[in-house]
C-alpha atoms as a PDB file:
ATOM      1  CA  MET A   1       9.262 -14.624  -3.019  1.00  0.00           C
ATOM      2  CA  ASN A   2      10.964 -17.978  -4.456  1.00  0.00           C
ATOM      3  CA  ARG A   3      14.377 -17.338  -2.397  1.00  0.00           C
ATOM      4  CA  LYS A   4      14.764 -17.418   1.220  1.00  0.00           C
ATOM      5  CA  GLN A   5      17.132 -14.571   2.504  1.00  0.00           C
ATOM      6  CA  THR A   6      18.726 -14.323   5.904  1.00  0.00           C
ATOM      7  CA  LEU A   7      18.793 -10.910   7.208  1.00  0.00           C
ATOM      8  CA  SER A   8      21.236  -9.819  10.116  1.00  0.00           C
ATOM      9  CA  PHE A   9      19.937  -8.621  13.382  1.00  0.00           C
ATOM     10  CA  PHE A  10      20.998  -4.819  12.420  1.00  0.00           C
ATOM     11  CA  GLN A  11      19.087  -5.176   9.152  1.00  0.00           C
ATOM     12  CA  ILE A  12      16.189  -6.347  11.026  1.00  0.00           C
ATOM     13  CA  ILE A  13      16.155  -3.644  14.136  1.00  0.00           C
ATOM     14  CA  LEU A  14      17.452  -0.499  11.766  1.00  0.00           C
ATOM     15  CA  PRO A  15      13.912   0.451  10.804  1.00  0.00           C
ATOM     16  CA  VAL A  16      12.608   0.164  14.320  1.00  0.00           C
ATOM     17  CA  LEU A  17      15.534   2.462  15.354  1.00  0.00           C
ATOM     18  CA  PHE A  18      14.810   4.834  12.744  1.00  0.00           C
ATOM     19  CA  LEU A  19      11.036   5.032  13.773  1.00  0.00           C
ATOM     20  CA  GLY A  20      12.126   5.443  17.229  1.00  0.00           C
ATOM     21  CA  VAL A  21      14.597   8.272  16.486  1.00  0.00           C
ATOM     22  CA  LEU A  22      11.714  10.274  14.384  1.00  0.00           C
ATOM     23  CA  ILE A  23       9.107   9.714  17.183  1.00  0.00           C
ATOM     24  CA  ILE A  24      11.713  11.016  19.543  1.00  0.00           C
ATOM     25  CA  TYR A  25      12.830  13.936  17.590  1.00  0.00           C
ATOM     26  CA  GLY A  26       9.530  14.603  15.919  1.00  0.00           C
ATOM     27  CA  MET A  27       7.381  14.526  19.292  1.00  0.00           C
ATOM     28  CA  VAL A  28       9.707  15.290  22.042  1.00  0.00           C
ATOM     29  CA  ILE A  29      12.901  17.463  20.956  1.00  0.00           C
ATOM     30  CA  ARG A  30      11.303  19.409  18.543  1.00  0.00           C
ATOM     31  CA  PRO A  31       8.268  20.779  20.329  1.00  0.00           C
ATOM     32  CA  LYS A  32      10.162  20.974  24.067  1.00  0.00           C
ATOM     33  CA  PHE A  33      13.521  22.083  23.234  1.00  0.00           C
ATOM     34  CA  LEU A  34      13.450  23.859  19.827  1.00  0.00           C
ATOM     35  CA  GLY A  35       9.951  25.512  20.024  1.00  0.00           C
ATOM     36  CA  GLN A  36       8.752  24.122  16.940  1.00  0.00           C
ATOM     37  CA  PRO A  37       5.652  22.383  16.217  1.00  0.00           C
ATOM     38  CA  GLY A  38       5.773  18.314  16.396  1.00  0.00           C
ATOM     39  CA  PHE A  39       5.661  16.112  13.322  1.00  0.00           C
ATOM     40  CA  PRO A  40       2.031  14.798  12.861  1.00  0.00           C
ATOM     41  CA  LEU A  41       2.134  11.107  13.355  1.00  0.00           C
ATOM     42  CA  GLU A  42       1.118  10.586   9.856  1.00  0.00           C
ATOM     43  CA  ILE A  43       4.418  11.827   8.793  1.00  0.00           C
ATOM     44  CA  VAL A  44       6.542   9.752  11.145  1.00  0.00           C
ATOM     45  CA  PHE A  45       5.119   6.725  10.034  1.00  0.00           C
ATOM     46  CA  MET A  46       5.323   7.562   6.324  1.00  0.00           C
ATOM     47  CA  LEU A  47       8.898   8.478   6.701  1.00  0.00           C
ATOM     48  CA  ALA A  48       9.745   4.986   8.623  1.00  0.00           C
ATOM     49  CA  ALA A  49       7.877   3.195   5.910  1.00  0.00           C
ATOM     50  CA  VAL A  50       9.688   4.760   3.157  1.00  0.00           C
ATOM     51  CA  PHE A  51      12.913   4.280   5.077  1.00  0.00           C
ATOM     52  CA  ALA A  52      11.929   0.322   5.818  1.00  0.00           C
ATOM     53  CA  ILE A  53      11.090   0.117   2.026  1.00  0.00           C
ATOM     54  CA  GLY A  54      14.205   1.329   0.958  1.00  0.00           C
ATOM     55  CA  GLU A  55      16.169  -0.547   3.092  1.00  0.00           C
ATOM     56  CA  LEU A  56      14.666  -3.829   1.764  1.00  0.00           C
ATOM     57  CA  MET A  57      15.111  -2.693  -1.599  1.00  0.00           C
ATOM     58  CA  ILE A  58      18.815  -1.982  -0.881  1.00  0.00           C
ATOM     59  CA  ILE A  59      19.125  -5.513   0.482  1.00  0.00           C
ATOM     60  CA  GLY A  60      17.752  -6.973  -2.982  1.00  0.00           C
ATOM     61  CA  PHE A  61      13.825  -7.601  -2.399  1.00  0.00           C
ATOM     62  CA  LYS A  62      11.909  -6.775  -5.388  1.00  0.00           C
ATOM     63  CA  TRP A  63       8.904  -4.271  -5.287  1.00  0.00           C
ATOM     64  CA  ASN A  64       6.599  -6.716  -6.287  1.00  0.00           C
ATOM     65  CA  ASP A  65       7.917  -8.997  -3.351  1.00  0.00           C
ATOM     66  CA  ILE A  66       7.453  -6.261  -0.684  1.00  0.00           C
ATOM     67  CA  GLN A  67       3.914  -5.632  -1.997  1.00  0.00           C
ATOM     68  CA  ASN A  68       2.871  -8.984  -1.811  1.00  0.00           C
ATOM     69  CA  ALA A  69       4.119  -9.501   1.644  1.00  0.00           C
ATOM     70  CA  PHE A  70       2.252  -6.332   2.457  1.00  0.00           C
ATOM     71  CA  ILE A  71      -1.016  -7.576   1.093  1.00  0.00           C
ATOM     72  CA  GLN A  72      -0.639 -11.195   2.673  1.00  0.00           C
ATOM     73  CA  LYS A  73      -0.386  -9.386   6.031  1.00  0.00           C
ATOM     74  CA  LEU A  74      -3.324  -7.061   5.307  1.00  0.00           C
ATOM     75  CA  ALA A  75      -5.532 -10.005   4.138  1.00  0.00           C
ATOM     76  CA  ARG A  76      -4.629 -12.168   7.226  1.00  0.00           C
ATOM     77  CA  GLY A  77      -5.302  -9.064   9.493  1.00  0.00           C
ATOM     78  CA  PHE A  78      -8.856  -8.535   7.927  1.00  0.00           C
ATOM     79  CA  PRO A  79     -11.118 -11.889   7.433  1.00  0.00           C
END
């Protein structure tokens, strides 16, 4: 990404809040109060990733920039 874009605190924290809501609803409220099976963690994290990517694209990031950032972070994590 060539440009430096500043994000507000709300834009940064929104995907984390969404993940928290998904975990609370899917792993606590559904099984304990609604008597339904809980969401698998794979579904919870996939929905949170889709939400975060959607938010980034709405903000103005391009798909290639998102992919490159993801690949760079994975490359640093796996030597």
